[in-house]
Structures are given as structure tokens and as C-alpha cells.
């Protein structure tokens, strides 16, 4: 029996998820966006939520709490909430799964993280992702909605997957910086290797499993996001390298202040993350830090 699915957020990722769900052919799909012009269904979010078995949140992490506060009275214990949002809420310092846990039980919350560049998915290019949840049955229900084109694996390391999503976004800014400084492919190859080592150590500090850093949700997503010209994290880093300024907001730059507060002086132990803090948060010139991180 087909599941009733609601896709919240019809930006590039929301459209990509809708594309994959239609391809799977096992969903009755409704859509909602804060911009009424993006959705054919003119019902309110509050009207759509009660009828959904599975809700996909394809919205920025900073919007998750306000969205949940809006519909919390309309949700029920049987629903599964799938988040594609990768970030940390500034005030609470919680990752998206932590915010969602204020409204739902752990077995209702699923993270869908991995190298999923929306523009490529819509062009029918293959993609892969990790479904992270405390309850494997919930992840399996979500996986059953998809057909070909999206390879899925399961992880019980929800904390590790959540923090990998945050960290890969931040480190992806650095790959944009290297691109902007024209430091070459060799440097970027080294950077990815060293960044994955740093992320593995950081995950241990942050409560995740070190091996998750090398998974599809970690290293896989870092490579895809960091090298994609469509990634806002990459574009922001390139802007910072070229002009020292960017008008772009990305999940990486949005989450970095909260991560900085969580990690504190421990960031000094990680040369790439420390360089990123100087450039992204402290407004220092990228040329003063990034050409030097490969030395020593």
C-alpha cells in the first residue's frame, strides 16, 4: 500500500526528493512551501500534516524549530519525520535531530544524509545516502519509498551522522577557498584526506563514532559538497578567497558559530578547522592561512 508523503520545502532539494519519490512509485505525494507559488496544493501546512505518514523536511536547519512549533499540534505518534537539514541551531546548540526530539520520539526521527547534489539527482544521475535512526524499522519504511537512482545504507549512529553533516559543510567551505586561491588539485587531494582525519577525531569529541567520518554521510558527502560548483558552501568559500567577503549564507557558515562555542579551545588542535575559523568567523584573509596548512 502506498504511503502518504508530505515534502516540506520546494527548493532544489525538495524538488530532487520529489523526483526520487515519484521514480520510486510508492508514494502519494503532497508538497508545501512557504512560498505559495511553488506548490500546486493551496492547503496550509497545518492542513497537510495530519494526513501524512512520512514527512520530508527539505528546509534550512534554522527553519526546523519554527516549522515544528507551527504544526506540533497536528502531528501524531505514527508519523516518521525525515530530515535532510544539516546544521546546528545557534541558541540551543542542538543538531536538527536534537530539535526534532523535542517534538517526536527517537524512533520517529530519521536523518537522510549523504552526497545528494540536487541538480545531479534531477538529471537522473545516481546518488547515495545514509538513513540514520535509532529504530531500523523506521529507516526501512523510508527506504521502501525509493526505487533506483538512490543507494541507501543504514546507520544507528545518529549523533555521528548528524555531526558529520555539520562538519562536512564547514570543511566544504575550505575546498571552495582552495578553488578560489587556485592552489591546485594536489592540495585539494591532501585537504580531503586531512579533513576526514580531523572530522573523525572531532566526532569522538562530539559524541559520534569515528568510523562515521569515513562513511557516505561523512567523507562521501564532503567530497560531493566540497567539489560541487552548485554547493553554497563551496561558493561561499570561493568568494572569501577571491574578495574576503561573501553575501551568501550556507548551512556551514550558519552552523559554525555554534560549533565554535561547543568545541571552544579544542578547535586549536585541528589546523584546518582552526584556519577555517580565522577566515569564516574572524574575517581574516584566506591567503594568510590556507597556503600554509599543508606544511608541517
C-alpha atoms as a PDB file:
ATOM      1  CA  UNK A   1       0.000   0.000   0.000  1.00  0.00           C
ATOM      2  CA  UNK A   2       1.368   3.415  -0.983  1.00  0.00           C
ATOM      3  CA  UNK A   3       2.383   5.764   1.809  1.00  0.00           C
ATOM      4  CA  UNK A   4       1.117   9.313   2.044  1.00  0.00           C
ATOM      5  CA  UNK A   5       4.164  11.562   1.896  1.00  0.00           C
ATOM      6  CA  UNK A   6       4.481  15.284   2.519  1.00  0.00           C
ATOM      7  CA  UNK A   7       7.517  17.158   1.195  1.00  0.00           C
ATOM      8  CA  UNK A   8       8.076  20.396   3.116  1.00  0.00           C
ATOM      9  CA  UNK A   9      10.265  22.861   1.250  1.00  0.00           C
ATOM     10  CA  UNK A  10      10.344  23.052  -2.530  1.00  0.00           C
ATOM     11  CA  UNK A  11      13.789  24.433  -3.136  1.00  0.00           C
ATOM     12  CA  UNK A  12      16.306  22.396  -5.106  1.00  0.00           C
ATOM     13  CA  UNK A  13      16.474  19.556  -2.565  1.00  0.00           C
ATOM     14  CA  UNK A  14      12.715  19.389  -2.124  1.00  0.00           C
ATOM     15  CA  UNK A  15      12.293  19.069  -5.867  1.00  0.00           C
ATOM     16  CA  UNK A  16      15.013  16.419  -6.008  1.00  0.00           C
ATOM     17  CA  UNK A  17      13.385  14.338  -3.262  1.00  0.00           C
ATOM     18  CA  UNK A  18      10.028  14.649  -5.005  1.00  0.00           C
ATOM     19  CA  UNK A  19      11.690  13.431  -8.215  1.00  0.00           C
ATOM     20  CA  UNK A  20      13.121  10.373  -6.435  1.00  0.00           C
ATOM     21  CA  UNK A  21       9.832   9.582  -4.684  1.00  0.00           C
ATOM     22  CA  UNK A  22       7.924   9.748  -7.963  1.00  0.00           C
ATOM     23  CA  UNK A  23      10.540   7.498  -9.515  1.00  0.00           C
ATOM     24  CA  UNK A  24      10.029   5.007  -6.684  1.00  0.00           C
ATOM     25  CA  UNK A  25       6.300   4.960  -7.426  1.00  0.00           C
ATOM     26  CA  UNK A  26       5.269   4.017  -3.877  1.00  0.00           C
ATOM     27  CA  UNK A  27       4.109   7.369  -2.523  1.00  0.00           C
ATOM     28  CA  UNK A  28       1.084   9.611  -2.676  1.00  0.00           C
ATOM     29  CA  UNK A  29       2.910  12.920  -2.617  1.00  0.00           C
ATOM     30  CA  UNK A  30       1.752  16.303  -1.411  1.00  0.00           C
ATOM     31  CA  UNK A  31       4.003  19.344  -1.220  1.00  0.00           C
ATOM     32  CA  UNK A  32       4.200  22.572   0.729  1.00  0.00           C
ATOM     33  CA  UNK A  33       6.471  25.594   0.645  1.00  0.00           C
ATOM     34  CA  UNK A  34       6.445  28.887   2.482  1.00  0.00           C
ATOM     35  CA  UNK A  35       6.198  30.466  -0.986  1.00  0.00           C
ATOM     36  CA  UNK A  36       2.662  29.573  -2.181  1.00  0.00           C
ATOM     37  CA  UNK A  37       3.723  30.000  -5.804  1.00  0.00           C
ATOM     38  CA  UNK A  38       5.914  26.880  -5.580  1.00  0.00           C
ATOM     39  CA  UNK A  39       3.120  24.448  -4.724  1.00  0.00           C
ATOM     40  CA  UNK A  40       0.018  23.464  -6.657  1.00  0.00           C
ATOM     41  CA  UNK A  41      -1.704  22.383  -3.438  1.00  0.00           C
ATOM     42  CA  UNK A  42      -3.049  25.524  -1.782  1.00  0.00           C
ATOM     43  CA  UNK A  43      -3.866  23.955   1.576  1.00  0.00           C
ATOM     44  CA  UNK A  44      -1.990  25.208   4.611  1.00  0.00           C
ATOM     45  CA  UNK A  45       0.833  23.280   6.236  1.00  0.00           C
ATOM     46  CA  UNK A  46      -1.411  22.673   9.235  1.00  0.00           C
ATOM     47  CA  UNK A  47      -3.994  21.088   6.949  1.00  0.00           C
ATOM     48  CA  UNK A  48      -1.496  18.843   5.162  1.00  0.00           C
ATOM     49  CA  UNK A  49       0.497  17.469   8.107  1.00  0.00           C
ATOM     50  CA  UNK A  50      -2.198  15.255   9.737  1.00  0.00           C
ATOM     51  CA  UNK A  51      -2.703  13.192   6.574  1.00  0.00           C
ATOM     52  CA  UNK A  52       0.965  12.339   6.049  1.00  0.00           C
ATOM     53  CA  UNK A  53       2.557   9.027   7.032  1.00  0.00           C
ATOM     54  CA  UNK A  54       6.055  10.325   6.321  1.00  0.00           C
ATOM     55  CA  UNK A  55       7.176  13.975   6.275  1.00  0.00           C
ATOM     56  CA  UNK A  56      10.352  15.036   4.489  1.00  0.00           C
ATOM     57  CA  UNK A  57      11.886  18.265   5.807  1.00  0.00           C
ATOM     58  CA  UNK A  58      13.803  19.854   2.928  1.00  0.00           C
ATOM     59  CA  UNK A  59      14.273  23.195   4.644  1.00  0.00           C
ATOM     60  CA  UNK A  60      17.236  25.056   6.166  1.00  0.00           C
ATOM     61  CA  UNK A  61      18.135  23.836   9.645  1.00  0.00           C
ATOM     62  CA  UNK A  62      17.409  27.305  11.068  1.00  0.00           C
ATOM     63  CA  UNK A  63      13.751  26.888  10.000  1.00  0.00           C
ATOM     64  CA  UNK A  64      13.132  23.471  11.563  1.00  0.00           C
ATOM     65  CA  UNK A  65      12.046  24.653  15.015  1.00  0.00           C
ATOM     66  CA  UNK A  66       9.642  27.303  13.723  1.00  0.00           C
ATOM     67  CA  UNK A  67       8.162  24.735  11.357  1.00  0.00           C
ATOM     68  CA  UNK A  68       7.653  22.216  14.158  1.00  0.00           C
ATOM     69  CA  UNK A  69       6.167  24.790  16.509  1.00  0.00           C
ATOM     70  CA  UNK A  70       3.696  25.630  13.802  1.00  0.00           C
ATOM     71  CA  UNK A  71       2.482  22.055  13.267  1.00  0.00           C
ATOM     72  CA  UNK A  72       3.256  20.215  16.521  1.00  0.00           C
ATOM     73  CA  UNK A  73      -0.431  20.030  17.476  1.00  0.00           C
ATOM     74  CA  UNK A  74      -1.208  18.412  14.120  1.00  0.00           C
ATOM     75  CA  UNK A  75       1.346  15.593  14.300  1.00  0.00           C
ATOM     76  CA  UNK A  76       0.817  12.084  15.645  1.00  0.00           C
ATOM     77  CA  UNK A  77       2.811   9.226  17.138  1.00  0.00           C
ATOM     78  CA  UNK A  78       2.690   7.117  13.951  1.00  0.00           C
ATOM     79  CA  UNK A  79       4.378   9.613  11.670  1.00  0.00           C
ATOM     80  CA  UNK A  80       8.008   9.435  10.564  1.00  0.00           C
ATOM     81  CA  UNK A  81       9.935  12.688  10.145  1.00  0.00           C
ATOM     82  CA  UNK A  82      12.814  12.592   7.667  1.00  0.00           C
ATOM     83  CA  UNK A  83      15.257  15.482   7.875  1.00  0.00           C
ATOM     84  CA  UNK A  84      17.653  16.475   5.114  1.00  0.00           C
ATOM     85  CA  UNK A  85      18.687  19.579   7.080  1.00  0.00           C
ATOM     86  CA  UNK A  86      22.319  19.538   8.212  1.00  0.00           C
ATOM     87  CA  UNK A  87      23.081  22.150  10.811  1.00  0.00           C
ATOM     88  CA  UNK A  88      23.265  23.293  14.425  1.00  0.00           C
ATOM     89  CA  UNK A  89      20.713  25.608  15.996  1.00  0.00           C
ATOM     90  CA  UNK A  90      22.597  28.600  17.402  1.00  0.00           C
ATOM     91  CA  UNK A  91      20.683  29.202  20.634  1.00  0.00           C
ATOM     92  CA  UNK A  92      20.250  25.598  21.769  1.00  0.00           C
ATOM     93  CA  UNK A  93      23.414  24.256  20.076  1.00  0.00           C
ATOM     94  CA  UNK A  94      21.377  21.228  19.011  1.00  0.00           C
ATOM     95  CA  UNK A  95      21.646  19.424  15.714  1.00  0.00           C
ATOM     96  CA  UNK A  96      18.388  19.006  13.800  1.00  0.00           C
ATOM     97  CA  UNK A  97      17.669  15.586  15.303  1.00  0.00           C
ATOM     98  CA  UNK A  98      18.017  17.174  18.746  1.00  0.00           C
ATOM     99  CA  UNK A  99      15.484  19.840  17.865  1.00  0.00           C
ATOM    100  CA  UNK A 100      13.101  17.240  16.445  1.00  0.00           C
ATOM    101  CA  UNK A 101      13.431  15.120  19.606  1.00  0.00           C
ATOM    102  CA  UNK A 102      11.573  17.872  21.467  1.00  0.00           C
ATOM    103  CA  UNK A 103       8.522  17.048  19.355  1.00  0.00           C
ATOM    104  CA  UNK A 104       8.895  13.379  18.404  1.00  0.00           C
ATOM    105  CA  UNK A 105      10.216  10.123  19.838  1.00  0.00           C
ATOM    106  CA  UNK A 106      13.588   8.799  18.665  1.00  0.00           C
ATOM    107  CA  UNK A 107      12.002   6.048  16.576  1.00  0.00           C
ATOM    108  CA  UNK A 108      10.118   8.654  14.539  1.00  0.00           C
ATOM    109  CA  UNK A 109      13.195  10.686  13.546  1.00  0.00           C
ATOM    110  CA  UNK A 110      15.249   9.701  10.502  1.00  0.00           C
ATOM    111  CA  UNK A 111      18.192  11.606   9.023  1.00  0.00           C
ATOM    112  CA  UNK A 112      18.737  11.281   5.265  1.00  0.00           C
ATOM    113  CA  UNK A 113      22.318  12.466   4.752  1.00  0.00           C
ATOM    114  CA  UNK A 114      24.874  11.884   2.045  1.00  0.00           C
ATOM    115  CA  UNK A 115      26.234  13.092  -1.301  1.00  0.00           C
ATOM    116  CA  UNK A 116      22.945  14.213  -2.829  1.00  0.00           C
ATOM    117  CA  UNK A 117      23.602  17.205  -5.076  1.00  0.00           C
ATOM    118  CA  UNK A 118      20.069  18.147  -6.101  1.00  0.00           C
ATOM    119  CA  UNK A 119      20.932  19.339  -9.607  1.00  0.00           C
ATOM    120  CA  UNK A 120      22.511  15.964 -10.393  1.00  0.00           C
ATOM    121  CA  UNK A 121      19.607  13.958  -8.985  1.00  0.00           C
ATOM    122  CA  UNK A 122      17.086  15.811 -11.135  1.00  0.00           C
ATOM    123  CA  UNK A 123      19.256  14.970 -14.173  1.00  0.00           C
ATOM    124  CA  UNK A 124      18.827  11.307 -13.201  1.00  0.00           C
ATOM    125  CA  UNK A 125      22.427  10.816 -12.045  1.00  0.00           C
ATOM    126  CA  UNK A 126      22.878   8.124  -9.353  1.00  0.00           C
ATOM    127  CA  UNK A 127      23.234   9.197  -5.728  1.00  0.00           C
ATOM    128  CA  UNK A 128      23.818   7.582  -2.355  1.00  0.00           C
ATOM    129  CA  UNK A 129      22.809   8.387   1.195  1.00  0.00           C
ATOM    130  CA  UNK A 130      22.650   7.141   4.765  1.00  0.00           C
ATOM    131  CA  UNK A 131      19.432   6.696   6.725  1.00  0.00           C
ATOM    132  CA  UNK A 132      20.279   7.271  10.380  1.00  0.00           C
ATOM    133  CA  UNK A 133      17.746   6.381  13.057  1.00  0.00           C
ATOM    134  CA  UNK A 134      17.604   4.703  16.448  1.00  0.00           C
ATOM    135  CA  UNK A 135      14.896   2.385  15.077  1.00  0.00           C
ATOM    136  CA  UNK A 136      15.975   0.453  11.982  1.00  0.00           C
ATOM    137  CA  UNK A 137      12.342  -0.335  11.115  1.00  0.00           C
ATOM    138  CA  UNK A 138      11.615   3.351  10.636  1.00  0.00           C
ATOM    139  CA  UNK A 139      14.596   3.690   8.315  1.00  0.00           C
ATOM    140  CA  UNK A 140      13.392   0.661   6.359  1.00  0.00           C
ATOM    141  CA  UNK A 141       9.973   2.249   5.891  1.00  0.00           C
ATOM    142  CA  UNK A 142      11.622   5.321   4.415  1.00  0.00           C
ATOM    143  CA  UNK A 143      13.938   3.236   2.221  1.00  0.00           C
ATOM    144  CA  UNK A 144      10.953   1.348   0.797  1.00  0.00           C
ATOM    145  CA  UNK A 145       9.706   4.549  -0.855  1.00  0.00           C
ATOM    146  CA  UNK A 146      12.684   4.823  -3.183  1.00  0.00           C
ATOM    147  CA  UNK A 147      13.433   2.841  -6.311  1.00  0.00           C
ATOM    148  CA  UNK A 148      16.554   3.004  -8.452  1.00  0.00           C
ATOM    149  CA  UNK A 149      18.810   6.006  -8.531  1.00  0.00           C
ATOM    150  CA  UNK A 150      19.375   6.299  -4.781  1.00  0.00           C
ATOM    151  CA  UNK A 151      21.578   3.786  -2.979  1.00  0.00           C
ATOM    152  CA  UNK A 152      20.764   3.695   0.744  1.00  0.00           C
ATOM    153  CA  UNK A 153      22.541   2.306   3.789  1.00  0.00           C
ATOM    154  CA  UNK A 154      21.527   2.289   7.454  1.00  0.00           C
ATOM    155  CA  UNK A 155      23.339   3.733  10.460  1.00  0.00           C
ATOM    156  CA  UNK A 156      22.397   3.670  14.130  1.00  0.00           C
ATOM    157  CA  UNK A 157      25.000   6.373  14.851  1.00  0.00           C
ATOM    158  CA  UNK A 158      22.522   9.241  14.693  1.00  0.00           C
ATOM    159  CA  UNK A 159      24.821  11.626  16.563  1.00  0.00           C
ATOM    160  CA  UNK A 160      27.764  10.801  14.333  1.00  0.00           C
ATOM    161  CA  UNK A 161      25.773  11.197  11.139  1.00  0.00           C
ATOM    162  CA  UNK A 162      24.251  14.477  12.356  1.00  0.00           C
ATOM    163  CA  UNK A 163      27.635  15.948  13.273  1.00  0.00           C
ATOM    164  CA  UNK A 164      29.227  14.622  10.077  1.00  0.00           C
ATOM    165  CA  UNK A 165      26.654  16.635   8.141  1.00  0.00           C
ATOM    166  CA  UNK A 166      27.595  19.760  10.079  1.00  0.00           C
ATOM    167  CA  UNK A 167      31.342  19.251   9.809  1.00  0.00           C
ATOM    168  CA  UNK A 168      31.392  18.338   6.118  1.00  0.00           C
ATOM    169  CA  UNK A 169      29.521  21.571   5.354  1.00  0.00           C
ATOM    170  CA  UNK A 170      32.122  23.606   7.227  1.00  0.00           C
ATOM    171  CA  UNK A 171      35.086  21.787   5.700  1.00  0.00           C
ATOM    172  CA  UNK A 172      33.485  22.141   2.254  1.00  0.00           C
ATOM    173  CA  UNK A 173      33.891  25.898   2.618  1.00  0.00           C
ATOM    174  CA  UNK A 174      37.618  25.243   2.739  1.00  0.00           C
ATOM    175  CA  UNK A 175      37.532  23.383  -0.573  1.00  0.00           C
ATOM    176  CA  UNK A 176      35.868  26.445  -2.059  1.00  0.00           C
ATOM    177  CA  UNK A 177      38.674  28.559  -0.604  1.00  0.00           C
ATOM    178  CA  UNK A 178      41.310  26.338  -2.209  1.00  0.00           C
ATOM    179  CA  UNK A 179      39.496  26.612  -5.528  1.00  0.00           C
ATOM    180  CA  UNK A 180      39.363  30.391  -5.260  1.00  0.00           C
ATOM    181  CA  UNK A 181      43.065  30.600  -4.397  1.00  0.00           C
ATOM    182  CA  UNK A 182      43.875  28.297  -7.326  1.00  0.00           C
ATOM    183  CA  UNK A 183      46.022  26.072  -5.121  1.00  0.00           C
ATOM    184  CA  UNK A 184      45.598  23.030  -7.335  1.00  0.00           C
ATOM    185  CA  UNK A 185      44.177  19.524  -7.330  1.00  0.00           C
ATOM    186  CA  UNK A 186      47.103  18.054  -5.400  1.00  0.00           C
ATOM    187  CA  UNK A 187      46.429  20.409  -2.495  1.00  0.00           C
ATOM    188  CA  UNK A 188      42.713  19.569  -2.547  1.00  0.00           C
ATOM    189  CA  UNK A 189      43.515  15.841  -2.534  1.00  0.00           C
ATOM    190  CA  UNK A 190      45.630  16.325   0.577  1.00  0.00           C
ATOM    191  CA  UNK A 191      42.955  18.558   2.103  1.00  0.00           C
ATOM    192  CA  UNK A 192      40.214  15.921   1.782  1.00  0.00           C
ATOM    193  CA  UNK A 193      42.459  13.298   3.380  1.00  0.00           C
ATOM    194  CA  UNK A 194      43.453  15.533   6.280  1.00  0.00           C
ATOM    195  CA  UNK A 195      39.926  16.904   6.733  1.00  0.00           C
ATOM    196  CA  UNK A 196      38.482  13.400   7.048  1.00  0.00           C
ATOM    197  CA  UNK A 197      41.056  12.613   9.759  1.00  0.00           C
ATOM    198  CA  UNK A 198      40.143  15.773  11.644  1.00  0.00           C
ATOM    199  CA  UNK A 199      36.422  15.027  11.356  1.00  0.00           C
ATOM    200  CA  UNK A 200      36.950  11.512  12.720  1.00  0.00           C
ATOM    201  CA  UNK A 201      38.690  12.912  15.815  1.00  0.00           C
ATOM    202  CA  UNK A 202      36.083  15.643  16.219  1.00  0.00           C
ATOM    203  CA  UNK A 203      33.231  13.145  16.054  1.00  0.00           C
ATOM    204  CA  UNK A 204      34.713  11.311  19.021  1.00  0.00           C
ATOM    205  CA  UNK A 205      34.761  14.568  20.988  1.00  0.00           C
ATOM    206  CA  UNK A 206      31.204  15.377  19.906  1.00  0.00           C
ATOM    207  CA  UNK A 207      29.714  12.000  20.810  1.00  0.00           C
ATOM    208  CA  UNK A 208      29.691  10.186  17.478  1.00  0.00           C
ATOM    209  CA  UNK A 209      31.630   7.198  16.174  1.00  0.00           C
ATOM    210  CA  UNK A 210      34.938   7.926  14.460  1.00  0.00           C
ATOM    211  CA  UNK A 211      34.212   5.488  11.619  1.00  0.00           C
ATOM    212  CA  UNK A 212      31.188   7.549  10.587  1.00  0.00           C
ATOM    213  CA  UNK A 213      33.620  10.200   9.330  1.00  0.00           C
ATOM    214  CA  UNK A 214      34.648   7.823   6.536  1.00  0.00           C
ATOM    215  CA  UNK A 215      31.095   6.823   5.590  1.00  0.00           C
ATOM    216  CA  UNK A 216      28.862   8.022   2.784  1.00  0.00           C
ATOM    217  CA  UNK A 217      27.450  10.604   5.211  1.00  0.00           C
ATOM    218  CA  UNK A 218      30.932  11.850   6.070  1.00  0.00           C
ATOM    219  CA  UNK A 219      33.730  11.548   3.519  1.00  0.00           C
ATOM    220  CA  UNK A 220      31.317  10.845   0.671  1.00  0.00           C
ATOM    221  CA  UNK A 221      29.310  13.976   1.356  1.00  0.00           C
ATOM    222  CA  UNK A 222      32.439  16.077   1.946  1.00  0.00           C
ATOM    223  CA  UNK A 223      33.792  15.213  -1.497  1.00  0.00           C
ATOM    224  CA  UNK A 224      30.482  15.835  -3.263  1.00  0.00           C
ATOM    225  CA  UNK A 225      29.709  19.102  -1.492  1.00  0.00           C
ATOM    226  CA  UNK A 226      33.246  20.423  -1.454  1.00  0.00           C
ATOM    227  CA  UNK A 227      33.881  19.878  -5.154  1.00  0.00           C
ATOM    228  CA  UNK A 228      30.439  20.774  -6.492  1.00  0.00           C
ATOM    229  CA  UNK A 229      30.175  24.233  -8.088  1.00  0.00           C
ATOM    230  CA  UNK A 230      26.463  24.111  -7.135  1.00  0.00           C
ATOM    231  CA  UNK A 231      27.219  23.930  -3.403  1.00  0.00           C
ATOM    232  CA  UNK A 232      26.620  27.152  -1.462  1.00  0.00           C
ATOM    233  CA  UNK A 233      29.369  26.107   0.967  1.00  0.00           C
ATOM    234  CA  UNK A 234      31.806  25.824  -1.939  1.00  0.00           C
ATOM    235  CA  UNK A 235      30.643  29.119  -3.458  1.00  0.00           C
ATOM    236  CA  UNK A 236      30.946  30.928  -0.133  1.00  0.00           C
ATOM    237  CA  UNK A 237      34.498  29.669   0.343  1.00  0.00           C
ATOM    238  CA  UNK A 238      35.441  30.722  -3.166  1.00  0.00           C
ATOM    239  CA  UNK A 239      34.027  34.209  -2.524  1.00  0.00           C
ATOM    240  CA  UNK A 240      36.053  34.519   0.683  1.00  0.00           C
ATOM    241  CA  UNK A 241      39.211  33.537  -1.175  1.00  0.00           C
ATOM    242  CA  UNK A 242      38.666  35.972  -4.016  1.00  0.00           C
ATOM    243  CA  UNK A 243      37.351  39.012  -2.162  1.00  0.00           C
ATOM    244  CA  UNK A 244      37.416  38.297   1.566  1.00  0.00           C
ATOM    245  CA  UNK A 245      33.632  38.692   1.649  1.00  0.00           C
ATOM    246  CA  UNK A 246      30.501  36.807   0.657  1.00  0.00           C
ATOM    247  CA  UNK A 247      26.834  37.716   0.684  1.00  0.00           C
ATOM    248  CA  UNK A 248      25.923  34.043   0.630  1.00  0.00           C
ATOM    249  CA  UNK A 249      24.582  32.151   3.627  1.00  0.00           C
ATOM    250  CA  UNK A 250      25.217  28.420   3.786  1.00  0.00           C
ATOM    251  CA  UNK A 251      24.491  25.644   6.246  1.00  0.00           C
ATOM    252  CA  UNK A 252      28.211  25.556   7.010  1.00  0.00           C
ATOM    253  CA  UNK A 253      28.519  29.245   7.830  1.00  0.00           C
ATOM    254  CA  UNK A 254      25.231  29.208   9.761  1.00  0.00           C
ATOM    255  CA  UNK A 255      26.379  26.320  11.971  1.00  0.00           C
ATOM    256  CA  UNK A 256      29.983  27.363  12.501  1.00  0.00           C
ATOM    257  CA  UNK A 257      29.343  29.855  15.356  1.00  0.00           C
ATOM    258  CA  UNK A 258      27.529  27.189  17.393  1.00  0.00           C
ATOM    259  CA  UNK A 259      30.202  24.588  16.649  1.00  0.00           C
ATOM    260  CA  UNK A 260      32.837  27.109  17.707  1.00  0.00           C
ATOM    261  CA  UNK A 261      31.077  27.513  21.059  1.00  0.00           C
ATOM    262  CA  UNK A 262      30.717  23.756  21.518  1.00  0.00           C
ATOM    263  CA  UNK A 263      34.351  22.985  20.635  1.00  0.00           C
ATOM    264  CA  UNK A 264      35.933  26.056  22.228  1.00  0.00           C
ATOM    265  CA  UNK A 265      39.715  25.909  22.508  1.00  0.00           C
ATOM    266  CA  UNK A 266      39.728  22.319  21.205  1.00  0.00           C
ATOM    267  CA  UNK A 267      39.486  23.779  17.693  1.00  0.00           C
ATOM    268  CA  UNK A 268      43.112  24.915  18.130  1.00  0.00           C
ATOM    269  CA  UNK A 269      44.113  21.232  17.928  1.00  0.00           C
ATOM    270  CA  UNK A 270      42.832  20.975  14.349  1.00  0.00           C
ATOM    271  CA  UNK A 271      44.807  23.018  11.847  1.00  0.00           C
ATOM    272  CA  UNK A 272      42.219  23.046   9.052  1.00  0.00           C
ATOM    273  CA  UNK A 273      39.276  23.819  11.304  1.00  0.00           C
ATOM    274  CA  UNK A 274      41.333  26.491  13.050  1.00  0.00           C
ATOM    275  CA  UNK A 275      42.190  28.088   9.691  1.00  0.00           C
ATOM    276  CA  UNK A 276      38.523  27.994   8.707  1.00  0.00           C
ATOM    277  CA  UNK A 277      37.549  29.705  11.960  1.00  0.00           C
ATOM    278  CA  UNK A 278      40.003  32.510  11.249  1.00  0.00           C
ATOM    279  CA  UNK A 279      38.684  33.056   7.739  1.00  0.00           C
ATOM    280  CA  UNK A 280      34.941  32.348   8.091  1.00  0.00           C
ATOM    281  CA  UNK A 281      34.253  33.636  11.602  1.00  0.00           C
ATOM    282  CA  UNK A 282      37.055  36.113  12.253  1.00  0.00           C
ATOM    283  CA  UNK A 283      37.226  37.683   8.795  1.00  0.00           C
ATOM    284  CA  UNK A 284      40.933  37.034   8.273  1.00  0.00           C
ATOM    285  CA  UNK A 285      42.425  36.836   4.779  1.00  0.00           C
ATOM    286  CA  UNK A 286      42.394  33.314   3.358  1.00  0.00           C
ATOM    287  CA  UNK A 287      45.861  33.860   1.882  1.00  0.00           C
ATOM    288  CA  UNK A 288      47.270  34.239   5.396  1.00  0.00           C
ATOM    289  CA  UNK A 289      46.206  30.737   6.414  1.00  0.00           C
ATOM    290  CA  UNK A 290      45.313  28.287   3.654  1.00  0.00           C
ATOM    291  CA  UNK A 291      48.556  28.088   1.653  1.00  0.00           C
ATOM    292  CA  UNK A 292      50.306  27.224   4.940  1.00  0.00           C
ATOM    293  CA  UNK A 293      48.077  24.441   6.307  1.00  0.00           C
ATOM    294  CA  UNK A 294      49.774  21.785   4.177  1.00  0.00           C
ATOM    295  CA  UNK A 295      53.146  22.491   5.784  1.00  0.00           C
ATOM    296  CA  UNK A 296      54.212  20.550   8.848  1.00  0.00           C
END
